[in-house]
Amino acid sequence: MSHNNRLRRSSEGKLLGVCQGLADWIGINPTVVRIAVVVIAFATSFFPVLCAYLAAAILMPQPARY
């Protein structure tokens, strides 16, 4: 299990790379993070999760491009 020092978005993510980046940082499967986000979104009527996801996409640094 690799634990990266910095939390950043992933260029390999499905949408904006937030869930993939969080999963890489924690060291777990990104599918687990994506399912958790969807479940929490349904439980909270989507709006809080949408706001948090967009805020994370804006605040998390983008991956380095070479």
PDB file of N, CA and C in Angstrom:
ATOM      1  N   MET A   1       0.840  -1.171   0.000  1.00  0.00           N
ATOM      2  CA  MET A   1       0.000   0.000   0.000  1.00  0.00           C
ATOM      3  C   MET A   1       0.890   1.241   0.000  1.00  0.00           C
ATOM      4  N   SER A   2       0.835   1.994  -1.087  1.00  0.00           N
ATOM      5  CA  SER A   2       1.683   3.179  -1.164  1.00  0.00           C
ATOM      6  C   SER A   2       0.884   4.404  -0.723  1.00  0.00           C
ATOM      7  N   HIS A   3       1.499   5.189   0.127  1.00  0.00           N
ATOM      8  CA  HIS A   3       0.850   6.398   0.628  1.00  0.00           C
ATOM      9  C   HIS A   3       1.637   7.601   0.130  1.00  0.00           C
ATOM     10  N   ASN A   4       1.052   8.317  -0.838  1.00  0.00           N
ATOM     11  CA  ASN A   4       1.716   9.498  -1.390  1.00  0.00           C
ATOM     12  C   ASN A   4       1.680  10.626  -0.374  1.00  0.00           C
ATOM     13  N   ASN A   5       2.675  11.484  -0.422  1.00  0.00           N
ATOM     14  CA  ASN A   5       2.740  12.602   0.505  1.00  0.00           C
ATOM     15  C   ASN A   5       1.704  13.661   0.195  1.00  0.00           C
ATOM     16  N   ARG A   6       1.423  13.894  -1.077  1.00  0.00           N
ATOM     17  CA  ARG A   6       0.549  14.993  -1.464  1.00  0.00           C
ATOM     18  C   ARG A   6      -0.767  14.484  -2.027  1.00  0.00           C
ATOM     19  N   LEU A   7      -1.823  15.150  -1.618  1.00  0.00           N
ATOM     20  CA  LEU A   7      -3.142  14.858  -2.173  1.00  0.00           C
ATOM     21  C   LEU A   7      -3.305  15.706  -3.420  1.00  0.00           C
ATOM     22  N   ARG A   8      -3.470  15.049  -4.557  1.00  0.00           N
ATOM     23  CA  ARG A   8      -3.661  15.777  -5.802  1.00  0.00           C
ATOM     24  C   ARG A   8      -4.588  14.995  -6.714  1.00  0.00           C
ATOM     25  N   ARG A   9      -5.196  15.710  -7.650  1.00  0.00           N
ATOM     26  CA  ARG A   9      -6.068  15.051  -8.613  1.00  0.00           C
ATOM     27  C   ARG A   9      -5.245  14.130  -9.502  1.00  0.00           C
ATOM     28  N   SER A  10      -5.903  13.147 -10.043  1.00  0.00           N
ATOM     29  CA  SER A  10      -5.220  12.193 -10.909  1.00  0.00           C
ATOM     30  C   SER A  10      -5.570  12.466 -12.365  1.00  0.00           C
ATOM     31  N   SER A  11      -4.605  12.315 -13.222  1.00  0.00           N
ATOM     32  CA  SER A  11      -4.866  12.456 -14.658  1.00  0.00           C
ATOM     33  C   SER A  11      -5.513  11.193 -15.213  1.00  0.00           C
ATOM     34  N   GLU A  12      -5.577  10.133 -14.413  1.00  0.00           N
ATOM     35  CA  GLU A  12      -6.166   8.870 -14.841  1.00  0.00           C
ATOM     36  C   GLU A  12      -7.602   8.708 -14.350  1.00  0.00           C
ATOM     37  N   GLY A  13      -8.166   9.757 -13.764  1.00  0.00           N
ATOM     38  CA  GLY A  13      -9.513   9.688 -13.210  1.00  0.00           C
ATOM     39  C   GLY A  13     -10.586   9.644 -14.278  1.00  0.00           C
ATOM     40  N   LYS A  14     -11.799   9.292 -13.866  1.00  0.00           N
ATOM     41  CA  LYS A  14     -12.917   9.174 -14.796  1.00  0.00           C
ATOM     42  C   LYS A  14     -13.508  10.529 -15.163  1.00  0.00           C
ATOM     43  N   LEU A  15     -13.678  11.410 -14.171  1.00  0.00           N
ATOM     44  CA  LEU A  15     -14.310  12.694 -14.446  1.00  0.00           C
ATOM     45  C   LEU A  15     -13.292  13.823 -14.291  1.00  0.00           C
ATOM     46  N   LEU A  16     -13.027  14.228 -13.085  1.00  0.00           N
ATOM     47  CA  LEU A  16     -12.032  15.277 -12.831  1.00  0.00           C
ATOM     48  C   LEU A  16     -10.819  14.752 -12.077  1.00  0.00           C
ATOM     49  N   GLY A  17     -10.806  13.473 -11.739  1.00  0.00           N
ATOM     50  CA  GLY A  17      -9.661  12.867 -11.077  1.00  0.00           C
ATOM     51  C   GLY A  17      -9.646  12.998  -9.571  1.00  0.00           C
ATOM     52  N   VAL A  18     -10.752  13.475  -8.976  1.00  0.00           N
ATOM     53  CA  VAL A  18     -10.797  13.682  -7.532  1.00  0.00           C
ATOM     54  C   VAL A  18     -10.822  12.345  -6.787  1.00  0.00           C
ATOM     55  N   CYS A  19     -11.724  11.457  -7.155  1.00  0.00           N
ATOM     56  CA  CYS A  19     -11.824  10.159  -6.471  1.00  0.00           C
ATOM     57  C   CYS A  19     -10.565   9.326  -6.669  1.00  0.00           C
ATOM     58  N   GLN A  20     -10.041   9.334  -7.880  1.00  0.00           N
ATOM     59  CA  GLN A  20      -8.801   8.597  -8.163  1.00  0.00           C
ATOM     60  C   GLN A  20      -7.644   9.156  -7.352  1.00  0.00           C
ATOM     61  N   GLY A  21      -7.539  10.483  -7.284  1.00  0.00           N
ATOM     62  CA  GLY A  21      -6.470  11.112  -6.508  1.00  0.00           C
ATOM     63  C   GLY A  21      -6.585  10.807  -5.027  1.00  0.00           C
ATOM     64  N   LEU A  22      -7.818  10.839  -4.497  1.00  0.00           N
ATOM     65  CA  LEU A  22      -8.042  10.507  -3.093  1.00  0.00           C
ATOM     66  C   LEU A  22      -7.696   9.044  -2.819  1.00  0.00           C
ATOM     67  N   ALA A  23      -8.103   8.160  -3.722  1.00  0.00           N
ATOM     68  CA  ALA A  23      -7.789   6.740  -3.564  1.00  0.00           C
ATOM     69  C   ALA A  23      -6.285   6.489  -3.624  1.00  0.00           C
ATOM     70  N   ASP A  24      -5.589   7.163  -4.526  1.00  0.00           N
ATOM     71  CA  ASP A  24      -4.132   7.019  -4.605  1.00  0.00           C
ATOM     72  C   ASP A  24      -3.473   7.506  -3.324  1.00  0.00           C
ATOM     73  N   TRP A  25      -3.962   8.611  -2.788  1.00  0.00           N
ATOM     74  CA  TRP A  25      -3.393   9.191  -1.573  1.00  0.00           C
ATOM     75  C   TRP A  25      -3.606   8.276  -0.367  1.00  0.00           C
ATOM     76  N   ILE A  26      -4.816   7.695  -0.261  1.00  0.00           N
ATOM     77  CA  ILE A  26      -5.116   6.789   0.844  1.00  0.00           C
ATOM     78  C   ILE A  26      -4.468   5.426   0.628  1.00  0.00           C
ATOM     79  N   GLY A  27      -4.374   5.015  -0.631  1.00  0.00           N
ATOM     80  CA  GLY A  27      -3.792   3.716  -0.951  1.00  0.00           C
ATOM     81  C   GLY A  27      -4.832   2.617  -1.063  1.00  0.00           C
ATOM     82  N   ILE A  28      -6.035   2.970  -1.549  1.00  0.00           N
ATOM     83  CA  ILE A  28      -7.091   1.970  -1.731  1.00  0.00           C
ATOM     84  C   ILE A  28      -7.558   1.985  -3.177  1.00  0.00           C
ATOM     85  N   ASN A  29      -8.421   1.043  -3.510  1.00  0.00           N
ATOM     86  CA  ASN A  29      -8.975   0.917  -4.840  1.00  0.00           C
ATOM     87  C   ASN A  29      -9.889   2.116  -5.119  1.00  0.00           C
ATOM     88  N   PRO A  30      -9.737   2.780  -6.256  1.00  0.00           N
ATOM     89  CA  PRO A  30     -10.576   3.940  -6.556  1.00  0.00           C
ATOM     90  C   PRO A  30     -12.061   3.608  -6.690  1.00  0.00           C
ATOM     91  N   THR A  31     -12.380   2.370  -7.021  1.00  0.00           N
ATOM     92  CA  THR A  31     -13.783   1.974  -7.116  1.00  0.00           C
ATOM     93  C   THR A  31     -14.474   2.102  -5.764  1.00  0.00           C
ATOM     94  N   VAL A  32     -13.766   1.800  -4.696  1.00  0.00           N
ATOM     95  CA  VAL A  32     -14.327   1.928  -3.350  1.00  0.00           C
ATOM     96  C   VAL A  32     -14.670   3.385  -3.058  1.00  0.00           C
ATOM     97  N   VAL A  33     -13.795   4.296  -3.429  1.00  0.00           N
ATOM     98  CA  VAL A  33     -14.034   5.723  -3.204  1.00  0.00           C
ATOM     99  C   VAL A  33     -15.205   6.189  -4.056  1.00  0.00           C
ATOM    100  N   ARG A  34     -15.261   5.773  -5.301  1.00  0.00           N
ATOM    101  CA  ARG A  34     -16.358   6.181  -6.187  1.00  0.00           C
ATOM    102  C   ARG A  34     -17.703   5.685  -5.678  1.00  0.00           C
ATOM    103  N   ILE A  35     -17.756   4.432  -5.222  1.00  0.00           N
ATOM    104  CA  ILE A  35     -19.008   3.889  -4.681  1.00  0.00           C
ATOM    105  C   ILE A  35     -19.410   4.645  -3.429  1.00  0.00           C
ATOM    106  N   ALA A  36     -18.443   4.954  -2.562  1.00  0.00           N
ATOM    107  CA  ALA A  36     -18.738   5.708  -1.339  1.00  0.00           C
ATOM    108  C   ALA A  36     -19.294   7.087  -1.678  1.00  0.00           C
ATOM    109  N   VAL A  37     -18.735   7.742  -2.669  1.00  0.00           N
ATOM    110  CA  VAL A  37     -19.217   9.069  -3.076  1.00  0.00           C
ATOM    111  C   VAL A  37     -20.652   8.973  -3.594  1.00  0.00           C
ATOM    112  N   VAL A  38     -20.944   7.973  -4.392  1.00  0.00           N
ATOM    113  CA  VAL A  38     -22.306   7.812  -4.924  1.00  0.00           C
ATOM    114  C   VAL A  38     -23.296   7.518  -3.798  1.00  0.00           C
ATOM    115  N   VAL A  39     -22.936   6.639  -2.880  1.00  0.00           N
ATOM    116  CA  VAL A  39     -23.826   6.314  -1.756  1.00  0.00           C
ATOM    117  C   VAL A  39     -24.081   7.549  -0.898  1.00  0.00           C
ATOM    118  N   ILE A  40     -23.029   8.291  -0.590  1.00  0.00           N
ATOM    119  CA  ILE A  40     -23.185   9.507   0.215  1.00  0.00           C
ATOM    120  C   ILE A  40     -24.013  10.542  -0.556  1.00  0.00           C
ATOM    121  N   ALA A  41     -23.828  10.614  -1.859  1.00  0.00           N
ATOM    122  CA  ALA A  41     -24.610  11.555  -2.670  1.00  0.00           C
ATOM    123  C   ALA A  41     -26.099  11.228  -2.605  1.00  0.00           C
ATOM    124  N   PHE A  42     -26.446   9.959  -2.725  1.00  0.00           N
ATOM    125  CA  PHE A  42     -27.852   9.569  -2.625  1.00  0.00           C
ATOM    126  C   PHE A  42     -28.407   9.855  -1.233  1.00  0.00           C
ATOM    127  N   ALA A  43     -27.603   9.637  -0.220  1.00  0.00           N
ATOM    128  CA  ALA A  43     -28.056   9.825   1.162  1.00  0.00           C
ATOM    129  C   ALA A  43     -28.242  11.302   1.515  1.00  0.00           C
ATOM    130  N   THR A  44     -27.557  12.199   0.802  1.00  0.00           N
ATOM    131  CA  THR A  44     -27.612  13.626   1.155  1.00  0.00           C
ATOM    132  C   THR A  44     -28.260  14.477   0.063  1.00  0.00           C
ATOM    133  N   SER A  45     -29.011  13.861  -0.818  1.00  0.00           N
ATOM    134  CA  SER A  45     -29.706  14.581  -1.891  1.00  0.00           C
ATOM    135  C   SER A  45     -28.755  15.273  -2.864  1.00  0.00           C
ATOM    136  N   PHE A  46     -27.582  14.756  -3.060  1.00  0.00           N
ATOM    137  CA  PHE A  46     -26.609  15.143  -4.076  1.00  0.00           C
ATOM    138  C   PHE A  46     -25.936  16.501  -3.873  1.00  0.00           C
ATOM    139  N   PHE A  47     -26.644  17.517  -3.445  1.00  0.00           N
ATOM    140  CA  PHE A  47     -26.096  18.874  -3.425  1.00  0.00           C
ATOM    141  C   PHE A  47     -24.828  19.012  -2.585  1.00  0.00           C
ATOM    142  N   PRO A  48     -24.785  18.522  -1.335  1.00  0.00           N
ATOM    143  CA  PRO A  48     -23.542  18.679  -0.554  1.00  0.00           C
ATOM    144  C   PRO A  48     -22.349  17.958  -1.183  1.00  0.00           C
ATOM    145  N   VAL A  49     -22.593  16.790  -1.734  1.00  0.00           N
ATOM    146  CA  VAL A  49     -21.508  16.023  -2.350  1.00  0.00           C
ATOM    147  C   VAL A  49     -21.047  16.706  -3.631  1.00  0.00           C
ATOM    148  N   LEU A  50     -21.977  17.244  -4.398  1.00  0.00           N
ATOM    149  CA  LEU A  50     -21.616  17.966  -5.611  1.00  0.00           C
ATOM    150  C   LEU A  50     -20.770  19.184  -5.268  1.00  0.00           C
ATOM    151  N   CYS A  51     -21.161  19.925  -4.256  1.00  0.00           N
ATOM    152  CA  CYS A  51     -20.384  21.096  -3.828  1.00  0.00           C
ATOM    153  C   CYS A  51     -18.993  20.688  -3.348  1.00  0.00           C
ATOM    154  N   ALA A  52     -18.921  19.636  -2.541  1.00  0.00           N
ATOM    155  CA  ALA A  52     -17.625  19.167  -2.027  1.00  0.00           C
ATOM    156  C   ALA A  52     -16.739  18.653  -3.157  1.00  0.00           C
ATOM    157  N   TYR A  53     -17.323  17.941  -4.108  1.00  0.00           N
ATOM    158  CA  TYR A  53     -16.556  17.406  -5.231  1.00  0.00           C
ATOM    159  C   TYR A  53     -15.988  18.539  -6.083  1.00  0.00           C
ATOM    160  N   LEU A  54     -16.832  19.526  -6.391  1.00  0.00           N
ATOM    161  CA  LEU A  54     -16.361  20.654  -7.200  1.00  0.00           C
ATOM    162  C   LEU A  54     -15.318  21.480  -6.455  1.00  0.00           C
ATOM    163  N   ALA A  55     -15.500  21.660  -5.154  1.00  0.00           N
ATOM    164  CA  ALA A  55     -14.502  22.390  -4.361  1.00  0.00           C
ATOM    165  C   ALA A  55     -13.173  21.631  -4.356  1.00  0.00           C
ATOM    166  N   ALA A  56     -13.238  20.316  -4.210  1.00  0.00           N
ATOM    167  CA  ALA A  56     -12.017  19.508  -4.229  1.00  0.00           C
ATOM    168  C   ALA A  56     -11.344  19.594  -5.597  1.00  0.00           C
ATOM    169  N   ALA A  57     -12.136  19.573  -6.667  1.00  0.00           N
ATOM    170  CA  ALA A  57     -11.564  19.663  -8.010  1.00  0.00           C
ATOM    171  C   ALA A  57     -10.859  20.999  -8.225  1.00  0.00           C
ATOM    172  N   ILE A  58     -11.387  22.057  -7.614  1.00  0.00           N
ATOM    173  CA  ILE A  58     -10.771  23.370  -7.763  1.00  0.00           C
ATOM    174  C   ILE A  58      -9.546  23.509  -6.864  1.00  0.00           C
ATOM    175  N   LEU A  59      -9.633  22.998  -5.636  1.00  0.00           N
ATOM    176  CA  LEU A  59      -8.568  23.207  -4.655  1.00  0.00           C
ATOM    177  C   LEU A  59      -7.411  22.216  -4.746  1.00  0.00           C
ATOM    178  N   MET A  60      -7.687  21.000  -5.178  1.00  0.00           N
ATOM    179  CA  MET A  60      -6.617  20.006  -5.278  1.00  0.00           C
ATOM    180  C   MET A  60      -5.716  20.351  -6.462  1.00  0.00           C
ATOM    181  N   PRO A  61      -4.394  20.307  -6.263  1.00  0.00           N
ATOM    182  CA  PRO A  61      -3.503  20.621  -7.379  1.00  0.00           C
ATOM    183  C   PRO A  61      -3.619  19.581  -8.493  1.00  0.00           C
ATOM    184  N   GLN A  62      -3.423  20.034  -9.694  1.00  0.00           N
ATOM    185  CA  GLN A  62      -3.465  19.138 -10.835  1.00  0.00           C
ATOM    186  C   GLN A  62      -2.181  18.335 -10.913  1.00  0.00           C
ATOM    187  N   PRO A  63      -2.231  17.166 -11.526  1.00  0.00           N
ATOM    188  CA  PRO A  63      -1.010  16.360 -11.662  1.00  0.00           C
ATOM    189  C   PRO A  63      -0.017  17.057 -12.577  1.00  0.00           C
ATOM    190  N   ALA A  64       1.246  16.796 -12.342  1.00  0.00           N
ATOM    191  CA  ALA A  64       2.309  17.360 -13.181  1.00  0.00           C
ATOM    192  C   ALA A  64       2.236  16.734 -14.567  1.00  0.00           C
ATOM    193  N   ARG A  65       2.288  17.559 -15.571  1.00  0.00           N
ATOM    194  CA  ARG A  65       2.270  17.071 -16.953  1.00  0.00           C
ATOM    195  C   ARG A  65       3.680  17.200 -17.520  1.00  0.00           C
ATOM    196  N   TYR A  66       4.151  16.138 -18.139  1.00  0.00           N
ATOM    197  CA  TYR A  66       5.504  16.144 -18.688  1.00  0.00           C
ATOM    198  C   TYR A  66       5.481  16.205 -20.186  1.00  0.00           C
TER     199      TYR A  66
END
